PDB file of all heavy atoms in Angstrom:
ATOM      1  N   PHE A   1      11.610 108.733 -77.169  1.00  0.00           N
ATOM      2  CA  PHE A   1      12.193 108.015 -76.042  1.00  0.00           C
ATOM      3  C   PHE A   1      12.710 109.038 -75.044  1.00  0.00           C
ATOM      4  O   PHE A   1      13.245 110.081 -75.436  1.00  0.00           O
ATOM      5  CB  PHE A   1      13.351 107.125 -76.500  1.00  0.00           C
ATOM      6  CG  PHE A   1      12.935 105.968 -77.378  1.00  0.00           C
ATOM      7  CD1 PHE A   1      13.537 105.784 -78.612  1.00  0.00           C
ATOM      8  CD2 PHE A   1      11.972 105.065 -76.965  1.00  0.00           C
ATOM      9  CE1 PHE A   1      13.191 104.719 -79.425  1.00  0.00           C
ATOM     10  CE2 PHE A   1      11.604 103.995 -77.771  1.00  0.00           C
ATOM     11  CZ  PHE A   1      12.209 103.817 -79.007  1.00  0.00           C
ATOM     12  N   LEU A   2      12.568 108.743 -73.764  1.00  0.00           N
ATOM     13  CA  LEU A   2      13.059 109.651 -72.731  1.00  0.00           C
ATOM     14  C   LEU A   2      14.404 109.171 -72.198  1.00  0.00           C
ATOM     15  O   LEU A   2      14.566 107.997 -71.867  1.00  0.00           O
ATOM     16  CB  LEU A   2      12.069 109.721 -71.563  1.00  0.00           C
ATOM     17  CG  LEU A   2      10.760 110.483 -71.791  1.00  0.00           C
ATOM     18  CD1 LEU A   2       9.929 110.462 -70.516  1.00  0.00           C
ATOM     19  CD2 LEU A   2      11.031 111.931 -72.210  1.00  0.00           C
ATOM     20  N   SER A   3      15.373 110.088 -72.136  1.00  0.00           N
ATOM     21  CA  SER A   3      16.654 109.772 -71.504  1.00  0.00           C
ATOM     22  C   SER A   3      16.734 110.372 -70.113  1.00  0.00           C
ATOM     23  O   SER A   3      17.500 109.917 -69.263  1.00  0.00           O
ATOM     24  CB  SER A   3      17.812 110.292 -72.359  1.00  0.00           C
ATOM     25  OG  SER A   3      17.677 111.677 -72.597  1.00  0.00           O
ATOM     26  N   THR A   4      15.931 111.408 -69.891  1.00  0.00           N
ATOM     27  CA  THR A   4      15.804 112.018 -68.561  1.00  0.00           C
ATOM     28  C   THR A   4      14.329 112.353 -68.337  1.00  0.00           C
ATOM     29  O   THR A   4      13.601 112.630 -69.291  1.00  0.00           O
ATOM     30  CB  THR A   4      16.621 113.323 -68.448  1.00  0.00           C
ATOM     31  OG1 THR A   4      16.213 114.230 -69.485  1.00  0.00           O
ATOM     32  CG2 THR A   4      18.110 113.030 -68.573  1.00  0.00           C
ATOM     33  N   PRO A   5      13.867 112.338 -67.105  1.00  0.00           N
ATOM     34  CA  PRO A   5      12.447 112.583 -66.848  1.00  0.00           C
ATOM     35  C   PRO A   5      12.088 114.062 -66.871  1.00  0.00           C
ATOM     36  O   PRO A   5      12.879 114.907 -66.452  1.00  0.00           O
ATOM     37  CB  PRO A   5      12.245 112.003 -65.449  1.00  0.00           C
ATOM     38  CG  PRO A   5      13.585 112.138 -64.793  1.00  0.00           C
ATOM     39  CD  PRO A   5      14.595 111.943 -65.890  1.00  0.00           C
ATOM     40  N   VAL A   6      10.915 114.385 -67.373  1.00  0.00           N
ATOM     41  CA  VAL A   6      10.347 115.720 -67.200  1.00  0.00           C
ATOM     42  C   VAL A   6       9.934 115.876 -65.734  1.00  0.00           C
ATOM     43  O   VAL A   6      10.131 116.914 -65.123  1.00  0.00           O
ATOM     44  CB  VAL A   6       9.146 115.909 -68.142  1.00  0.00           C
ATOM     45  CG1 VAL A   6       8.456 117.246 -67.878  1.00  0.00           C
ATOM     46  CG2 VAL A   6       9.583 115.814 -69.593  1.00  0.00           C
ATOM     47  N   ALA A   7       9.348 114.800 -65.209  1.00  0.00           N
ATOM     48  CA  ALA A   7       8.988 114.728 -63.790  1.00  0.00           C
ATOM     49  C   ALA A   7       8.915 113.255 -63.424  1.00  0.00           C
ATOM     50  O   ALA A   7       8.807 112.398 -64.300  1.00  0.00           O
ATOM     51  CB  ALA A   7       7.652 115.414 -63.534  1.00  0.00           C
ATOM     52  N   ILE A   8       9.005 112.977 -62.144  1.00  0.00           N
ATOM     53  CA  ILE A   8       8.896 111.600 -61.661  1.00  0.00           C
ATOM     54  C   ILE A   8       7.649 111.498 -60.794  1.00  0.00           C
ATOM     55  O   ILE A   8       7.377 112.380 -59.971  1.00  0.00           O
ATOM     56  CB  ILE A   8      10.149 111.190 -60.851  1.00  0.00           C
ATOM     57  CG1 ILE A   8      11.382 111.243 -61.746  1.00  0.00           C
ATOM     58  CG2 ILE A   8       9.975 109.794 -60.259  1.00  0.00           C
ATOM     59  CD1 ILE A   8      12.690 110.961 -61.006  1.00  0.00           C
ATOM     60  N   LYS A   9       6.885 110.435 -61.005  1.00  0.00           N
ATOM     61  CA  LYS A   9       5.616 110.305 -60.296  1.00  0.00           C
ATOM     62  C   LYS A   9       5.390 108.861 -59.870  1.00  0.00           C
ATOM     63  O   LYS A   9       5.758 107.933 -60.581  1.00  0.00           O
ATOM     64  CB  LYS A   9       4.483 110.753 -61.234  1.00  0.00           C
ATOM     65  CG  LYS A   9       3.127 110.916 -60.589  1.00  0.00           C
ATOM     66  CD  LYS A   9       2.188 111.637 -61.552  1.00  0.00           C
ATOM     67  CE  LYS A   9       0.908 112.066 -60.864  1.00  0.00           C
ATOM     68  NZ  LYS A   9       0.069 112.920 -61.731  1.00  0.00           N
ATOM     69  N   LYS A  10       4.762 108.687 -58.710  1.00  0.00           N
ATOM     70  CA  LYS A  10       4.353 107.346 -58.295  1.00  0.00           C
ATOM     71  C   LYS A  10       3.065 106.998 -59.027  1.00  0.00           C
ATOM     72  O   LYS A  10       2.113 107.778 -59.015  1.00  0.00           O
ATOM     73  CB  LYS A  10       4.143 107.281 -56.782  1.00  0.00           C
ATOM     74  CG  LYS A  10       5.423 107.113 -55.995  1.00  0.00           C
ATOM     75  CD  LYS A  10       5.154 106.463 -54.660  1.00  0.00           C
ATOM     76  CE  LYS A  10       6.445 106.165 -53.907  1.00  0.00           C
ATOM     77  NZ  LYS A  10       7.220 105.106 -54.542  1.00  0.00           N
ATOM     78  N   VAL A  11       3.071 105.839 -59.672  1.00  0.00           N
ATOM     79  CA  VAL A  11       1.899 105.419 -60.435  1.00  0.00           C
ATOM     80  C   VAL A  11       1.391 104.094 -59.884  1.00  0.00           C
ATOM     81  O   VAL A  11       2.121 103.342 -59.236  1.00  0.00           O
ATOM     82  CB  VAL A  11       2.221 105.290 -61.934  1.00  0.00           C
ATOM     83  CG1 VAL A  11       2.672 106.629 -62.498  1.00  0.00           C
ATOM     84  CG2 VAL A  11       3.268 104.211 -62.192  1.00  0.00           C
ATOM     85  N   GLN A  12       0.122 103.819 -60.171  1.00  0.00           N
ATOM     86  CA  GLN A  12      -0.518 102.619 -59.640  1.00  0.00           C
ATOM     87  C   GLN A  12      -0.995 101.727 -60.766  1.00  0.00           C
ATOM     88  O   GLN A  12      -1.696 102.156 -61.678  1.00  0.00           O
ATOM     89  CB  GLN A  12      -1.708 103.004 -58.746  1.00  0.00           C
ATOM     90  CG  GLN A  12      -2.401 101.819 -58.104  1.00  0.00           C
ATOM     91  CD  GLN A  12      -3.556 102.234 -57.211  1.00  0.00           C
ATOM     92  OE1 GLN A  12      -3.760 103.422 -56.970  1.00  0.00           O
ATOM     93  NE2 GLN A  12      -4.316 101.258 -56.746  1.00  0.00           N
ATOM     94  N   VAL A  13      -0.597 100.443 -60.712  1.00  0.00           N
ATOM     95  CA  VAL A  13      -1.095  99.407 -61.619  1.00  0.00           C
ATOM     96  C   VAL A  13      -1.677  98.312 -60.744  1.00  0.00           C
ATOM     97  O   VAL A  13      -0.933  97.595 -60.062  1.00  0.00           O
ATOM     98  CB  VAL A  13       0.026  98.826 -62.506  1.00  0.00           C
ATOM     99  CG1 VAL A  13      -0.564  97.915 -63.572  1.00  0.00           C
ATOM    100  CG2 VAL A  13       0.855  99.919 -63.139  1.00  0.00           C
ATOM    101  N   TRP A  14      -3.007  98.216 -60.715  1.00  0.00           N
ATOM    102  CA  TRP A  14      -3.680  97.319 -59.780  1.00  0.00           C
ATOM    103  C   TRP A  14      -3.211  97.620 -58.356  1.00  0.00           C
ATOM    104  O   TRP A  14      -3.309  98.727 -57.907  1.00  0.00           O
ATOM    105  CB  TRP A  14      -3.485  95.855 -60.187  1.00  0.00           C
ATOM    106  CG  TRP A  14      -4.076  95.557 -61.539  1.00  0.00           C
ATOM    107  CD1 TRP A  14      -3.413  95.222 -62.688  1.00  0.00           C
ATOM    108  CD2 TRP A  14      -5.463  95.617 -61.893  1.00  0.00           C
ATOM    109  NE1 TRP A  14      -4.289  95.064 -63.731  1.00  0.00           N
ATOM    110  CE2 TRP A  14      -5.548  95.288 -63.271  1.00  0.00           C
ATOM    111  CE3 TRP A  14      -6.638  95.897 -61.197  1.00  0.00           C
ATOM    112  CZ2 TRP A  14      -6.767  95.244 -63.954  1.00  0.00           C
ATOM    113  CZ3 TRP A  14      -7.851  95.858 -61.870  1.00  0.00           C
ATOM    114  CH2 TRP A  14      -7.903  95.529 -63.234  1.00  0.00           C
ATOM    115  N   ASP A  15      -2.647  96.644 -57.655  1.00  0.00           N
ATOM    116  CA  ASP A  15      -2.231  96.886 -56.268  1.00  0.00           C
ATOM    117  C   ASP A  15      -0.781  97.344 -56.158  1.00  0.00           C
ATOM    118  O   ASP A  15      -0.274  97.558 -55.044  1.00  0.00           O
ATOM    119  CB  ASP A  15      -2.415  95.614 -55.433  1.00  0.00           C
ATOM    120  CG  ASP A  15      -3.879  95.219 -55.288  1.00  0.00           C
ATOM    121  OD1 ASP A  15      -4.731  96.126 -55.297  1.00  0.00           O
ATOM    122  OD2 ASP A  15      -4.156  94.008 -55.176  1.00  0.00           O
ATOM    123  N   ASP A  16      -0.102  97.463 -57.287  1.00  0.00           N
ATOM    124  CA  ASP A  16       1.317  97.839 -57.272  1.00  0.00           C
ATOM    125  C   ASP A  16       1.497  99.345 -57.420  1.00  0.00           C
ATOM    126  O   ASP A  16       0.766 100.002 -58.169  1.00  0.00           O
ATOM    127  CB  ASP A  16       2.067  97.153 -58.422  1.00  0.00           C
ATOM    128  CG  ASP A  16       2.073  95.640 -58.288  1.00  0.00           C
ATOM    129  OD1 ASP A  16       1.979  95.147 -57.145  1.00  0.00           O
ATOM    130  OD2 ASP A  16       2.169  94.961 -59.322  1.00  0.00           O
ATOM    131  N   GLU A  17       2.502  99.867 -56.719  1.00  0.00           N
ATOM    132  CA  GLU A  17       2.937 101.249 -56.903  1.00  0.00           C
ATOM    133  C   GLU A  17       4.396 101.251 -57.328  1.00  0.00           C
ATOM    134  O   GLU A  17       5.206 100.485 -56.791  1.00  0.00           O
ATOM    135  CB  GLU A  17       2.780 102.049 -55.604  1.00  0.00           C
ATOM    136  CG  GLU A  17       1.421 102.671 -55.433  1.00  0.00           C
ATOM    137  CD  GLU A  17       1.415 103.745 -54.355  1.00  0.00           C
ATOM    138  OE1 GLU A  17       2.405 103.869 -53.616  1.00  0.00           O
ATOM    139  OE2 GLU A  17       0.406 104.462 -54.266  1.00  0.00           O
ATOM    140  N   CYS A  18       4.726 102.082 -58.297  1.00  0.00           N
ATOM    141  CA  CYS A  18       6.116 102.186 -58.723  1.00  0.00           C
ATOM    142  C   CYS A  18       6.346 103.572 -59.317  1.00  0.00           C
ATOM    143  O   CYS A  18       5.399 104.311 -59.592  1.00  0.00           O
ATOM    144  CB  CYS A  18       6.474 101.095 -59.729  1.00  0.00           C
ATOM    145  SG  CYS A  18       5.478 101.095 -61.240  1.00  0.00           S
ATOM    146  N   GLU A  19       7.619 103.919 -59.510  1.00  0.00           N
ATOM    147  CA  GLU A  19       7.950 105.239 -60.041  1.00  0.00           C
ATOM    148  C   GLU A  19       8.024 105.211 -61.561  1.00  0.00           C
ATOM    149  O   GLU A  19       8.506 104.240 -62.156  1.00  0.00           O
ATOM    150  CB  GLU A  19       9.280 105.730 -59.477  1.00  0.00           C
ATOM    151  CG  GLU A  19       9.187 106.168 -58.031  1.00  0.00           C
ATOM    152  CD  GLU A  19      10.431 106.892 -57.576  1.00  0.00           C
ATOM    153  OE1 GLU A  19      11.489 106.768 -58.240  1.00  0.00           O
ATOM    154  OE2 GLU A  19      10.372 107.594 -56.542  1.00  0.00           O
ATOM    155  N   ALA A  20       7.533 106.275 -62.182  1.00  0.00           N
ATOM    156  CA  ALA A  20       7.571 106.402 -63.631  1.00  0.00           C
ATOM    157  C   ALA A  20       7.927 107.833 -64.004  1.00  0.00           C
ATOM    158  O   ALA A  20       7.808 108.757 -63.193  1.00  0.00           O
ATOM    159  CB  ALA A  20       6.215 106.025 -64.229  1.00  0.00           C
ATOM    160  N   TRP A  21       8.373 107.988 -65.237  1.00  0.00           N
ATOM    161  CA  TRP A  21       8.722 109.308 -65.763  1.00  0.00           C
ATOM    162  C   TRP A  21       7.534 109.875 -66.526  1.00  0.00           C
ATOM    163  O   TRP A  21       6.934 109.194 -67.372  1.00  0.00           O
ATOM    164  CB  TRP A  21       9.924 109.199 -66.694  1.00  0.00           C
ATOM    165  CG  TRP A  21      11.199 108.812 -66.009  1.00  0.00           C
ATOM    166  CD1 TRP A  21      11.398 108.617 -64.673  1.00  0.00           C
ATOM    167  CD2 TRP A  21      12.462 108.583 -66.643  1.00  0.00           C
ATOM    168  NE1 TRP A  21      12.703 108.283 -64.423  1.00  0.00           N
ATOM    169  CE2 TRP A  21      13.387 108.254 -65.622  1.00  0.00           C
ATOM    170  CE3 TRP A  21      12.914 108.626 -67.955  1.00  0.00           C
ATOM    171  CZ2 TRP A  21      14.716 107.967 -65.883  1.00  0.00           C
ATOM    172  CZ3 TRP A  21      14.244 108.334 -68.228  1.00  0.00           C
ATOM    173  CH2 TRP A  21      15.143 108.014 -67.197  1.00  0.00           C
ATOM    174  N   VAL A  22       7.217 111.127 -66.256  1.00  0.00           N
ATOM    175  CA  VAL A  22       6.059 111.786 -66.867  1.00  0.00           C
ATOM    176  C   VAL A  22       6.501 112.584 -68.087  1.00  0.00           C
ATOM    177  O   VAL A  22       7.547 113.239 -68.086  1.00  0.00           O
ATOM    178  CB  VAL A  22       5.369 112.721 -65.844  1.00  0.00           C
ATOM    179  CG1 VAL A  22       4.097 113.317 -66.450  1.00  0.00           C
ATOM    180  CG2 VAL A  22       5.049 111.974 -64.552  1.00  0.00           C
ATOM    181  N   TYR A  23       5.670 112.548 -69.138  1.00  0.00           N
ATOM    182  CA  TYR A  23       5.937 113.342 -70.333  1.00  0.00           C
ATOM    183  C   TYR A  23       5.436 114.769 -70.160  1.00  0.00           C
ATOM    184  O   TYR A  23       4.730 115.092 -69.196  1.00  0.00           O
ATOM    185  CB  TYR A  23       5.282 112.693 -71.560  1.00  0.00           C
ATOM    186  CG  TYR A  23       6.144 111.612 -72.175  1.00  0.00           C
ATOM    187  CD1 TYR A  23       6.129 110.315 -71.675  1.00  0.00           C
ATOM    188  CD2 TYR A  23       6.992 111.888 -73.241  1.00  0.00           C
ATOM    189  CE1 TYR A  23       6.926 109.320 -72.235  1.00  0.00           C
ATOM    190  CE2 TYR A  23       7.803 110.900 -73.806  1.00  0.00           C
ATOM    191  CZ  TYR A  23       7.762 109.626 -73.297  1.00  0.00           C
ATOM    192  OH  TYR A  23       8.558 108.657 -73.842  1.00  0.00           O
ATOM    193  N   ASP A  24       5.784 115.616 -71.123  1.00  0.00           N
ATOM    194  CA  ASP A  24       5.437 117.037 -71.013  1.00  0.00           C
ATOM    195  C   ASP A  24       3.973 117.282 -71.377  1.00  0.00           C
ATOM    196  O   ASP A  24       3.265 116.403 -71.868  1.00  0.00           O
ATOM    197  CB  ASP A  24       6.372 117.894 -71.872  1.00  0.00           C
ATOM    198  CG  ASP A  24       6.290 117.567 -73.350  1.00  0.00           C
ATOM    199  OD1 ASP A  24       5.179 117.315 -73.867  1.00  0.00           O
ATOM    200  OD2 ASP A  24       7.339 117.556 -74.014  1.00  0.00           O
ATOM    201  N   ASP A  25       3.531 118.514 -71.151  1.00  0.00           N
ATOM    202  CA  ASP A  25       2.121 118.864 -71.333  1.00  0.00           C
ATOM    203  C   ASP A  25       1.668 118.763 -72.782  1.00  0.00           C
ATOM    204  O   ASP A  25       0.489 118.488 -73.044  1.00  0.00           O
ATOM    205  CB  ASP A  25       1.860 120.285 -70.814  1.00  0.00           C
ATOM    206  CG  ASP A  25       1.904 120.366 -69.288  1.00  0.00           C
ATOM    207  OD1 ASP A  25       1.819 119.300 -68.647  1.00  0.00           O
ATOM    208  OD2 ASP A  25       2.039 121.485 -68.760  1.00  0.00           O
ATOM    209  N   VAL A  26       2.558 118.988 -73.726  1.00  0.00           N
ATOM    210  CA  VAL A  26       2.170 118.903 -75.142  1.00  0.00           C
ATOM    211  C   VAL A  26       1.665 117.501 -75.460  1.00  0.00           C
ATOM    212  O   VAL A  26       0.611 117.315 -76.095  1.00  0.00           O
ATOM    213  CB  VAL A  26       3.351 119.277 -76.062  1.00  0.00           C
ATOM    214  CG1 VAL A  26       2.994 119.002 -77.517  1.00  0.00           C
ATOM    215  CG2 VAL A  26       3.729 120.735 -75.873  1.00  0.00           C
ATOM    216  N   ILE A  27       2.399 116.498 -75.036  1.00  0.00           N
ATOM    217  CA  ILE A  27       2.003 115.117 -75.284  1.00  0.00           C
ATOM    218  C   ILE A  27       0.791 114.738 -74.443  1.00  0.00           C
ATOM    219  O   ILE A  27      -0.167 114.127 -74.935  1.00  0.00           O
ATOM    220  CB  ILE A  27       3.193 114.180 -75.011  1.00  0.00           C
ATOM    221  CG1 ILE A  27       4.237 114.370 -76.115  1.00  0.00           C
ATOM    222  CG2 ILE A  27       2.743 112.716 -74.916  1.00  0.00           C
ATOM    223  CD1 ILE A  27       5.545 113.650 -75.886  1.00  0.00           C
ATOM    224  N   ASN A  28       0.795 115.138 -73.189  1.00  0.00           N
ATOM    225  CA  ASN A  28      -0.338 114.805 -72.315  1.00  0.00           C
ATOM    226  C   ASN A  28      -1.630 115.455 -72.802  1.00  0.00           C
ATOM    227  O   ASN A  28      -2.709 114.838 -72.748  1.00  0.00           O
ATOM    228  CB  ASN A  28      -0.041 115.243 -70.880  1.00  0.00           C
ATOM    229  CG  ASN A  28       1.129 114.483 -70.290  1.00  0.00           C
ATOM    230  OD1 ASN A  28       1.410 113.353 -70.683  1.00  0.00           O
ATOM    231  ND2 ASN A  28       1.816 115.091 -69.339  1.00  0.00           N
TER     232      ASN A  28
END
């Protein structure tokens, strides 16, 4: 679980855009 973001990114779900927290490179 994340309590603070590694990074914040705008993400797209269909026509919606919203902010999400990105995980680190190990997980990605």
